[in-house]
Each structure stands twice: as structure tokens, then as C-alpha cells.
Amino acid sequence: MEQNRNINKILIGCVIAVLLIGFLGVGLMGGYLGHDLIQKIPLATNTSTSTGTNSSTSTDELFKPFWEAWQIVHDEYLVQPVDDEKMMQGAIRGMMDSLGDPHSAYMDPVEYSDASAPLEGYSGIGAWVNTEGKYLTITEPMKGSPSESAGIKKGDQIIAIDGVDMTGTLPELARQKILGPAGSQVVLTIKREGVDQPFDVPITRAQITIPSTEYRMLDNNIAYIRLNAFSDTTGDELHAALQELLAQNPKGLILDLRYNGGGYLDAAIQVGSEFLPDGVVAYEEDGNETRKTFNVTGDGIATQIPMVVLVNEWSASASELVAGALQDRGRAQLIGVTTYGKGTVQNWISLADNEGAVRVTIARWLTPNERNVTGTGLTPDIEVKISDADAQAGIDSQLNRAIEILSQP
């Protein structure tokens, strides 16, 4: 991940990570946005706080039961001494959990250090994963990867790693535990739909690298670009790929955003700007309904070529932002299935004295037509599902439909 990748980074991609050496801008993993947010947090609390009933009371009065409970534990709890630091961290975790927002959370110092550590020298199993649910979930094993060779399948939930139960462990931290030196082994306990009992799968880690942008010319003179993430290099990589592909005078372009869980907002605006000549790419709206408009950069070189966009249930956040902009602006049809549905913005903020960090939802983003995709996703213009039979046969019916559409006279 990028250096200090989660400190004061605004997040929109909190869905898909990759279990390989490093990962591609899909979050802590979850995901993140590119422009920094300079936080100005007072070191002292206000003298009054608004409660859930909108009444105002002093902070001292509000926290009286908290300190009362704190003292009771110190005076009455059987096993003494208690760990004050753990109790403090538990209070923060409970506060974040009370928001009822799956995207807002707390990491204690050890967890945050582990999640923020550089990943150079570490390898993995080669799989795209969802870090949003109760357990780390496989969304797609990479072709030719150790995970594919070991028989890992889409939808597999990783409930234990090397015999350690992952219940209650943040999926992102579970993802970190799977990383390790190339050639070493990790044992994953898998819960699979349709299989009665969990089972163990030993996998030998390998060094796996993958660019955020892949591209090539297909048959019928159609250009193809797949974005695996929205990293800080994606904009430049995409621009270079377009220059090379457009020089071959393709008749159409396929932008593949499937399994892309998001990344930097700046990268998403850059990507959208490559295909839109002018106007709005997205809006961002905070809790006060203050709106910020993100317009195209004006540097796009693929604003006229006929194109379609491939999406699926794991296209999320920054992917949905770009796909939604192209759909709203009438620039491209979406082909595939309904997207993930994450239209909120998060920020990781480190706490004082190295006491970990909190991730807080700070805003929502909207498409040019002011749609918010949270909970609903984007509905494709042309729905194409990949059947189990096609998947097993290696047939990409969504890509084939895109080629068919762009090949029409």
C-alpha cells in the first residue's frame, strides 16, 4: 500500500483487497480516496454535547455514568489489577460500534501498526477478497495463483488462519495474517456454501504482482482495459494505455471494472476524465449537506470512441463512481450485473500518542444525476450473468456481449 497509506486519507473503496505481495489501492484495504483531508481536532472537549434526544448537557454530566462504571470495575472486579489501556481501547471500539456503520471502526495500536506496515518482502495466495463482512471472503482466485491451485472458490469464507479463529477479527487484519514469505505455508479454514462442515486448505505462498491497469487489443479491432484498482498510479497508467491503444485506431473500447473495489478519489476523477469531454464526474456531500463538485480535468484523450463498461457485484466505490458518471452522462452502457452499492466516503485518522486510529464515514458521493448507490448499487443497462457452467468452462459471457455490441456496424 502507499506509504502511510491510511493516515489522513479519505476513503471510498472499502470492499476488495488482494492477497498478494502488496495490494493495489483497494483500501485498508478496504479502499481510500486520494485527496488528503487535514483534520483539525480540538485537544479539549467542548463544554456541551448534543445527545440523541437533541438536549444539551455538560460533558461532565454526560460521562458521569462512564466514570462511575470505570471506578466500579477498579473497586469491585474480581481480578485485579485491570488493564486501563485495554479498557480505554474497548470504550473507543464500543463508541465506534454504536454508530451502526460497518464502515466506521477502531484499530488499536497493534492492529493499526500491522495494517500500516510496509508489505515489501511479503507474499500471499493470489486472490481477490472482500474485507467488509464478518469474515474475509474470497471474491475471485487469480488465474494460475496458489489459491486457485489449492481449490479456493468464489464465496469461500476464511473463518480461521493457521488454526486461529477469526471470529471478531477485522477482515483486513485477517488479510494481513495470510501474507508471509514466499514458499511458506498458511492453512486456511474455509466455510463454503453447500458444504456442511468447515475444512482446512493448506496453501504455499508465492510472490504475486499485478498492475493496477491491464490492457490489450481484442479481436474485431476492439481495445480492452481492465482496472484492478484506483491507486495513485492508475491515472498515469490508464493514460499511457490509452495512448498505445488509440494509436491502433480501434473501433471501440471496453473498460472492465469487475472485481475492482475502489481506491483514491483523485484516481477515480482522473479515470472518468479520460472518457468525458466536460462537465461533472461526481459530487461529494457532507453531513451538513455542503456539496463539492468534481468536474473533469479536461485532459481526456478517449472522449469520442464508442465504449462500454463491464461491472459486477464486486465493482464498488470508486468503480461505481466512474461507472455511474459514464452511465449518467450517456457516455457508455454498463454490462454485467448490479454493482456492490457503496456510496460513502471514509477517513482513517490516527489518534494521539500512537493509540491506534479510527475510521469514520465523513461524506457521501453522488453521480452526476445525484444518485447515491449505497445499498442499491448501479443497475446495468444490459444485464448479463455468468452461469456456473460458463464459469467452469472459462467462458466470459459478459465480455463476449461487450465485444458483440461494439462489433455491430
Protein backbone atom coordinates (compact mmCIF):
# COMPACT_ATOMS: atom_id res chain seq x y z
CA MET A 1 0.00 0.00 0.00
CA GLU A 2 1.12 3.58 -0.26
CA GLN A 3 3.42 5.00 2.39
CA ASN A 4 1.40 5.93 5.50
CA ARG A 5 -1.48 4.76 3.39
CA ASN A 6 -4.30 5.27 5.85
CA ILE A 7 -3.28 8.30 7.87
CA ASN A 8 -5.49 11.22 6.90
CA LYS A 9 -6.60 9.52 3.69
CA ILE A 10 -10.18 9.89 2.56
CA LEU A 11 -11.65 6.50 1.74
CA ILE A 12 -14.21 5.37 -0.77
CA GLY A 13 -13.14 1.80 -1.55
CA CYS A 14 -13.71 -0.45 1.43
CA VAL A 15 -14.54 -3.67 -0.22
CA ILE A 16 -11.99 -5.69 -2.09
CA ALA A 17 -8.35 -6.41 -1.32
CA VAL A 18 -5.85 -8.70 -2.89
CA LEU A 19 -3.94 -11.42 -1.08
CA LEU A 20 -0.57 -10.96 -2.72
CA ILE A 21 2.63 -9.03 -2.20
CA GLY A 22 1.36 -5.57 -1.51
CA PHE A 23 -2.03 -4.57 -2.71
CA LEU A 24 -3.48 -2.27 -5.21
CA GLY A 25 -5.22 0.64 -3.69
CA VAL A 26 -8.32 -1.10 -2.60
CA GLY A 27 -8.38 0.07 0.79
CA LEU A 28 -7.08 -0.59 4.17
CA MET A 29 -7.66 -2.48 2.14
CA GLY A 30 -10.85 -1.58 2.01
CA GLY A 31 -10.14 1.45 -0.04
CA TYR A 32 -9.26 5.03 0.09
CA LEU A 33 -9.56 8.31 -1.69
CA GLY A 34 -6.67 10.29 -2.95
CA HIS A 35 -7.01 13.83 -1.74
CA ASP A 36 -5.75 14.33 1.80
CA LEU A 37 -8.05 15.67 4.47
CA ILE A 38 -6.28 17.84 7.01
CA GLN A 39 -8.03 17.13 10.28
CA LYS A 40 -8.33 19.86 12.91
CA ILE A 41 -9.39 18.05 16.04
CA PRO A 42 -9.51 20.00 19.30
CA LEU A 43 -7.38 18.62 22.11
CA ALA A 44 -10.03 19.60 24.65
CA THR A 45 -13.68 18.61 24.61
CA ASN A 46 -16.48 21.12 24.28
CA THR A 47 -18.30 22.12 27.43
CA SER A 48 -21.57 20.85 26.00
CA THR A 49 -22.53 17.90 23.86
CA SER A 50 -25.66 17.11 21.89
CA THR A 51 -27.29 13.84 22.93
CA GLY A 52 -29.51 11.52 20.95
CA THR A 53 -32.56 13.42 22.15
CA ASN A 54 -31.11 16.75 20.94
CA SER A 55 -30.92 18.08 24.51
CA SER A 56 -27.71 19.76 25.63
CA THR A 57 -25.80 18.67 28.69
CA SER A 58 -22.32 19.22 30.03
CA THR A 59 -19.62 16.75 29.09
CA ASP A 60 -19.01 16.05 32.77
CA GLU A 61 -22.66 15.13 33.27
CA LEU A 62 -22.78 13.05 30.11
CA PHE A 63 -19.74 10.97 31.11
CA LYS A 64 -20.66 10.60 34.78
CA PRO A 65 -22.03 7.02 34.26
CA PHE A 66 -18.91 6.12 32.29
CA TRP A 67 -16.54 7.17 35.06
CA GLU A 68 -18.83 5.57 37.60
CA ALA A 69 -18.61 2.26 35.75
CA TRP A 70 -14.84 2.73 35.38
CA GLN A 71 -14.47 3.13 39.14
CA ILE A 72 -16.74 0.18 39.89
CA VAL A 73 -14.53 -2.06 37.75
CA HIS A 74 -11.43 -0.85 39.62
CA ASP A 75 -13.06 -1.30 43.02
CA GLU A 76 -15.18 -4.41 42.57
CA TYR A 77 -13.89 -6.57 39.70
CA LEU A 78 -12.55 -9.91 40.92
CA VAL A 79 -9.26 -9.99 39.03
CA GLN A 80 -7.04 -7.01 39.80
CA PRO A 81 -5.27 -5.01 38.58
CA VAL A 82 -7.30 -4.34 35.46
CA ASP A 83 -5.64 -3.08 32.27
CA ASP A 84 -6.65 0.57 31.95
CA GLU A 85 -5.34 0.85 28.40
CA LYS A 86 -7.38 -2.12 27.21
CA MET A 87 -10.46 -0.69 28.90
CA MET A 88 -9.90 2.65 27.19
CA GLN A 89 -9.47 0.95 23.82
CA GLY A 90 -12.60 -1.11 24.43
CA ALA A 91 -14.53 2.08 25.14
CA ILE A 92 -13.40 3.60 21.85
CA ARG A 93 -14.28 0.41 19.97
CA GLY A 94 -17.72 0.38 21.58
CA MET A 95 -18.27 4.02 20.67
CA MET A 96 -17.48 3.31 17.01
CA ASP A 97 -19.65 0.18 17.02
CA SER A 98 -22.55 2.20 18.45
CA LEU A 99 -22.73 4.20 15.23
CA GLY A 100 -24.17 1.16 13.48
CA ASP A 101 -21.99 1.93 10.46
CA PRO A 102 -20.00 -1.03 9.09
CA HIS A 103 -17.53 1.40 7.54
CA SER A 104 -16.65 3.22 10.78
CA ALA A 105 -14.31 1.34 13.10
CA TYR A 106 -11.40 1.46 15.55
CA MET A 107 -7.99 -0.18 15.35
CA ASP A 108 -5.89 -0.43 18.48
CA PRO A 109 -2.16 0.42 18.23
CA VAL A 110 -1.05 -3.12 17.39
CA GLU A 111 -3.79 -3.63 14.80
CA TYR A 112 -3.11 -0.26 13.21
CA SER A 113 0.63 -0.85 13.13
CA ASP A 114 0.10 -4.25 11.50
CA ALA A 115 -2.31 -2.81 8.93
CA SER A 116 0.02 0.11 8.16
CA ALA A 117 3.26 -1.86 7.95
CA PRO A 118 5.08 -1.91 4.59
CA LEU A 119 4.39 -5.12 2.72
CA GLU A 120 7.69 -5.41 0.86
CA GLY A 121 9.11 -8.90 1.25
CA TYR A 122 5.72 -10.46 1.89
CA SER A 123 3.80 -12.67 -0.45
CA GLY A 124 0.36 -14.22 -0.47
CA ILE A 125 -2.02 -16.65 -2.07
CA GLY A 126 -3.25 -14.64 -5.08
CA ALA A 127 -6.93 -13.94 -4.52
CA TRP A 128 -9.29 -11.01 -4.54
CA VAL A 129 -11.13 -10.74 -1.23
CA ASN A 130 -13.99 -8.79 0.34
CA THR A 131 -12.98 -7.17 3.65
CA GLU A 132 -16.45 -5.85 4.52
CA GLY A 133 -18.27 -8.77 6.11
CA LYS A 134 -17.92 -10.77 9.32
CA TYR A 135 -15.18 -12.89 7.77
CA LEU A 136 -12.69 -12.37 4.98
CA THR A 137 -14.45 -13.66 1.84
CA ILE A 138 -12.94 -14.75 -1.47
CA THR A 139 -14.39 -12.88 -4.44
CA GLU A 140 -12.14 -14.40 -7.09
CA PRO A 141 -8.99 -16.54 -7.09
CA MET A 142 -6.43 -15.22 -9.57
CA LYS A 143 -5.73 -17.41 -12.55
CA GLY A 144 -2.66 -19.56 -12.03
CA SER A 145 -2.33 -18.46 -8.40
CA PRO A 146 -1.66 -20.63 -5.33
CA SER A 147 -5.26 -20.09 -4.20
CA GLU A 148 -6.64 -21.39 -7.50
CA SER A 149 -4.30 -24.38 -7.42
CA ALA A 150 -5.43 -25.18 -3.88
CA GLY A 151 -9.09 -25.22 -4.93
CA ILE A 152 -10.22 -21.97 -3.31
CA LYS A 153 -13.52 -20.78 -4.78
CA LYS A 154 -15.53 -17.59 -5.09
CA GLY A 155 -17.63 -17.07 -1.96
CA ASP A 156 -15.38 -19.06 0.38
CA GLN A 157 -15.25 -17.53 3.87
CA ILE A 158 -11.99 -17.73 5.80
CA ILE A 159 -13.05 -18.47 9.38
CA ALA A 160 -9.64 -19.43 10.77
CA ILE A 161 -5.99 -18.95 9.80
CA ASP A 162 -3.35 -21.43 10.97
CA GLY A 163 -5.86 -22.74 13.49
CA VAL A 164 -6.64 -19.33 14.97
CA ASP A 165 -10.36 -18.45 14.96
CA MET A 166 -11.01 -15.20 13.05
CA THR A 167 -14.38 -14.53 14.68
CA GLY A 168 -14.34 -10.94 15.89
CA THR A 169 -11.17 -10.09 13.95
CA LEU A 170 -11.40 -7.27 11.44
CA PRO A 171 -11.29 -8.88 7.97
CA GLU A 172 -8.48 -6.51 6.99
CA LEU A 173 -6.35 -7.83 9.84
CA ALA A 174 -7.22 -11.37 8.83
CA ARG A 175 -5.98 -10.50 5.36
CA GLN A 176 -2.68 -9.34 6.81
CA LYS A 177 -2.26 -12.67 8.64
CA ILE A 178 -2.40 -14.54 5.33
CA LEU A 179 0.59 -12.65 3.99
CA GLY A 180 4.05 -14.08 4.60
CA PRO A 181 7.34 -15.04 2.99
CA ALA A 182 7.20 -16.74 -0.40
CA GLY A 183 7.49 -20.51 -0.05
CA SER A 184 5.96 -20.61 3.44
CA GLN A 185 2.64 -22.30 4.10
CA VAL A 186 -0.59 -20.95 5.52
CA VAL A 187 -3.58 -23.11 6.48
CA LEU A 188 -6.98 -21.54 5.86
CA THR A 189 -10.15 -22.93 7.43
CA ILE A 190 -12.87 -22.47 4.85
CA LYS A 191 -16.62 -22.22 5.26
CA ARG A 192 -18.23 -22.93 1.88
CA GLU A 193 -21.87 -22.68 0.87
CA GLY A 194 -23.30 -26.13 0.25
CA VAL A 195 -20.64 -27.86 2.37
CA ASP A 196 -21.82 -28.93 5.82
CA GLN A 197 -18.57 -28.61 7.76
CA PRO A 198 -15.65 -26.16 7.54
CA PHE A 199 -12.45 -27.67 6.15
CA ASP A 200 -8.75 -26.82 6.08
CA VAL A 201 -6.87 -25.81 2.94
CA PRO A 202 -3.06 -25.60 3.10
CA ILE A 203 -1.61 -23.10 0.61
CA THR A 204 2.00 -22.29 -0.19
CA ARG A 205 2.53 -18.55 -0.51
CA ALA A 206 4.13 -17.09 -3.61
CA GLN A 207 5.22 -13.65 -4.75
CA ILE A 208 2.42 -12.27 -6.88
CA THR A 209 2.45 -8.94 -8.64
CA ILE A 210 -0.26 -7.35 -10.68
CA PRO A 211 -0.51 -3.87 -12.18
CA SER A 212 -3.48 -1.66 -11.43
CA THR A 213 -4.06 -1.43 -15.21
CA GLU A 214 -4.05 -4.23 -17.79
CA TYR A 215 -4.76 -3.68 -21.48
CA ARG A 216 -4.64 -5.31 -24.91
CA MET A 217 -6.28 -5.34 -28.33
CA LEU A 218 -9.02 -7.94 -28.81
CA ASP A 219 -10.36 -9.49 -31.96
CA ASN A 220 -12.59 -7.31 -34.12
CA ASN A 221 -10.23 -4.38 -33.51
CA ILE A 222 -11.59 -3.61 -30.04
CA ALA A 223 -9.44 -2.16 -27.27
CA TYR A 224 -9.72 -3.66 -23.79
CA ILE A 225 -8.64 -2.11 -20.48
CA ARG A 226 -9.07 -3.67 -17.06
CA LEU A 227 -8.61 -1.55 -13.95
CA ASN A 228 -7.86 -3.67 -10.91
CA ALA A 229 -7.74 -0.73 -8.50
CA PHE A 230 -7.71 3.04 -8.28
CA SER A 231 -4.18 3.56 -6.96
CA ASP A 232 -2.05 6.68 -7.04
CA THR A 233 -0.53 5.48 -10.36
CA THR A 234 -3.77 4.38 -12.07
CA GLY A 235 -4.41 7.70 -13.81
CA ASP A 236 -0.98 7.77 -15.45
CA GLU A 237 -1.12 4.05 -16.28
CA LEU A 238 -4.52 4.44 -17.92
CA HIS A 239 -3.41 7.48 -19.92
CA ALA A 240 -0.37 5.60 -21.23
CA ALA A 241 -2.50 2.55 -22.08
CA LEU A 242 -4.99 4.70 -23.97
CA GLN A 243 -2.23 6.39 -25.95
CA GLU A 244 -0.90 3.00 -27.05
CA LEU A 245 -4.32 1.52 -27.83
CA LEU A 246 -5.76 4.57 -29.62
CA ALA A 247 -2.71 4.68 -31.86
CA GLN A 248 -4.02 1.40 -33.32
CA ASN A 249 -7.31 3.07 -34.27
CA PRO A 250 -9.72 0.68 -32.50
CA LYS A 251 -13.40 0.77 -33.38
CA GLY A 252 -14.46 0.52 -29.74
CA LEU A 253 -13.24 0.30 -26.16
CA ILE A 254 -14.18 -1.97 -23.23
CA LEU A 255 -13.47 -0.67 -19.73
CA ASP A 256 -13.53 -3.58 -17.28
CA LEU A 257 -14.27 -2.57 -13.68
CA ARG A 258 -15.29 -6.00 -12.42
CA TYR A 259 -13.83 -7.03 -9.04
CA ASN A 260 -12.48 -3.51 -8.58
CA GLY A 261 -13.30 -2.43 -5.03
CA GLY A 262 -12.24 1.19 -5.29
CA GLY A 263 -9.35 3.42 -4.27
CA TYR A 264 -8.32 7.04 -4.44
CA LEU A 265 -10.92 9.64 -5.33
CA ASP A 266 -8.31 11.58 -7.30
CA ALA A 267 -7.68 8.47 -9.40
CA ALA A 268 -11.40 7.98 -9.99
CA ILE A 269 -11.76 11.57 -11.22
CA GLN A 270 -8.73 11.10 -13.48
CA VAL A 271 -10.18 7.92 -14.93
CA GLY A 272 -13.60 9.46 -15.53
CA SER A 273 -11.95 12.49 -17.12
CA GLU A 274 -10.27 10.35 -19.76
CA PHE A 275 -13.67 9.49 -21.22
CA LEU A 276 -15.75 12.63 -20.59
CA PRO A 277 -15.12 15.85 -22.56
CA ASP A 278 -16.54 18.19 -19.93
CA GLY A 279 -18.95 18.55 -17.04
CA VAL A 280 -19.42 16.76 -13.74
CA VAL A 281 -17.85 13.45 -12.76
CA ALA A 282 -19.25 13.29 -9.22
CA TYR A 283 -20.44 15.25 -6.20
CA GLU A 284 -19.39 14.86 -2.58
CA GLU A 285 -21.81 15.83 0.19
CA ASP A 286 -21.03 16.02 3.91
CA GLY A 287 -23.32 15.78 6.93
CA ASN A 288 -24.25 19.46 6.64
CA GLU A 289 -25.27 18.84 3.01
CA THR A 290 -22.39 21.03 1.88
CA ARG A 291 -21.63 19.89 -1.64
CA LYS A 292 -18.35 19.75 -3.51
CA THR A 293 -18.37 19.29 -7.27
CA PHE A 294 -15.71 17.27 -9.10
CA ASN A 295 -15.52 18.27 -12.76
CA VAL A 296 -13.48 16.64 -15.48
CA THR A 297 -9.84 17.65 -15.66
CA GLY A 298 -10.10 18.42 -19.38
CA ASP A 299 -7.16 16.19 -20.27
CA GLY A 300 -9.14 13.22 -21.63
CA ILE A 301 -8.00 11.55 -24.84
CA ALA A 302 -10.77 8.94 -25.19
CA THR A 303 -13.85 11.15 -25.11
CA GLN A 304 -15.25 10.12 -28.51
CA ILE A 305 -14.52 6.43 -29.04
CA PRO A 306 -17.57 4.13 -28.62
CA MET A 307 -17.25 2.26 -25.34
CA VAL A 308 -18.97 0.01 -22.82
CA VAL A 309 -18.18 -0.69 -19.17
CA LEU A 310 -18.17 -4.13 -17.55
CA VAL A 311 -19.37 -4.29 -13.92
CA ASN A 312 -20.32 -6.98 -11.43
CA GLU A 313 -21.35 -7.40 -7.81
CA TRP A 314 -17.80 -6.63 -6.65
CA SER A 315 -17.48 -3.35 -8.54
CA ALA A 316 -17.59 -0.87 -5.68
CA SER A 317 -16.98 2.69 -4.54
CA ALA A 318 -14.55 4.37 -6.96
CA SER A 319 -15.56 1.85 -9.63
CA GLU A 320 -19.20 2.78 -9.11
CA LEU A 321 -18.30 6.47 -9.18
CA VAL A 322 -16.70 6.13 -12.62
CA ALA A 323 -19.32 3.74 -13.99
CA GLY A 324 -22.14 5.92 -12.64
CA ALA A 325 -20.66 9.03 -14.24
CA LEU A 326 -20.31 7.36 -17.63
CA GLN A 327 -23.83 5.96 -17.38
CA ASP A 328 -25.45 9.22 -16.24
CA ARG A 329 -23.67 11.26 -18.89
CA GLY A 330 -24.76 8.83 -21.64
CA ARG A 331 -21.15 8.11 -22.44
CA ALA A 332 -21.22 4.33 -22.01
CA GLN A 333 -23.61 1.46 -21.35
CA LEU A 334 -22.97 -0.76 -18.35
CA ILE A 335 -22.89 -4.50 -18.99
CA GLY A 336 -22.98 -7.16 -16.28
CA VAL A 337 -24.87 -7.34 -13.00
CA THR A 338 -25.82 -4.83 -10.29
CA THR A 339 -22.79 -3.36 -8.54
CA TYR A 340 -21.87 -3.58 -4.85
CA GLY A 341 -23.50 -0.37 -3.62
CA LYS A 342 -21.09 1.72 -1.54
CA GLY A 343 -21.58 5.46 -1.89
CA THR A 344 -19.92 6.76 1.26
CA VAL A 345 -16.56 8.33 1.99
CA GLN A 346 -14.32 7.34 4.88
CA ASN A 347 -11.21 8.78 6.50
CA TRP A 348 -8.65 6.99 8.68
CA ILE A 349 -7.48 9.34 11.43
CA SER A 350 -4.61 8.36 13.69
CA LEU A 351 -5.07 9.03 17.39
CA ALA A 352 -2.67 10.89 19.67
CA ASP A 353 0.19 9.10 21.45
CA ASN A 354 0.14 6.21 18.95
CA GLU A 355 -3.14 4.92 20.37
CA GLY A 356 -4.32 3.49 17.06
CA ALA A 357 -6.77 5.06 14.65
CA VAL A 358 -10.44 5.47 13.88
CA ARG A 359 -12.08 5.19 10.50
CA VAL A 360 -15.06 7.50 10.18
CA THR A 361 -17.66 7.97 7.46
CA ILE A 362 -17.41 11.66 6.64
CA ALA A 363 -19.42 12.10 3.44
CA ARG A 364 -21.42 10.52 0.66
CA TRP A 365 -20.74 10.79 -3.04
CA LEU A 366 -23.32 11.22 -5.79
CA THR A 367 -23.31 10.57 -9.51
CA PRO A 368 -23.86 13.48 -11.94
CA ASN A 369 -27.61 12.75 -11.78
CA GLU A 370 -27.36 12.94 -7.97
CA ARG A 371 -27.76 9.22 -7.37
CA ASN A 372 -26.28 7.64 -4.26
CA VAL A 373 -25.55 3.97 -4.75
CA THR A 374 -25.43 2.93 -1.09
CA GLY A 375 -27.40 -0.25 -0.61
CA THR A 376 -28.67 -0.31 -4.18
CA GLY A 377 -25.67 -0.25 -6.49
CA LEU A 378 -25.80 0.60 -10.17
CA THR A 379 -28.18 -1.33 -12.40
CA PRO A 380 -26.51 -2.26 -15.68
CA ASP A 381 -28.09 -1.15 -18.95
CA ILE A 382 -27.62 -4.69 -20.23
CA GLU A 383 -27.78 -7.44 -17.64
CA VAL A 384 -25.56 -10.41 -18.36
CA LYS A 385 -24.94 -13.07 -15.73
CA ILE A 386 -22.13 -15.60 -15.94
CA SER A 387 -23.61 -19.03 -15.31
CA ASP A 388 -21.78 -21.64 -13.28
CA ALA A 389 -21.38 -23.72 -16.42
CA ASP A 390 -19.80 -20.81 -18.31
CA ALA A 391 -17.53 -20.02 -15.37
CA GLN A 392 -16.32 -23.62 -15.17
CA ALA A 393 -15.78 -23.67 -18.92
CA GLY A 394 -13.83 -20.39 -18.80
CA ILE A 395 -16.43 -18.56 -20.88
CA ASP A 396 -16.73 -14.84 -20.12
CA SER A 397 -20.25 -14.16 -21.35
CA GLN A 398 -20.14 -10.54 -20.15
CA LEU A 399 -17.01 -9.76 -22.13
CA ASN A 400 -18.41 -11.60 -25.14
CA ARG A 401 -21.57 -9.49 -25.03
CA ALA A 402 -19.49 -6.31 -24.87
CA ILE A 403 -17.50 -7.39 -27.92
CA GLU A 404 -20.74 -8.23 -29.73
CA ILE A 405 -22.21 -4.79 -29.05
CA LEU A 406 -19.10 -2.88 -30.12
CA SER A 407 -18.71 -5.03 -33.23
CA GLN A 408 -22.10 -4.01 -34.60
CA PRO A 409 -21.93 -1.70 -37.63
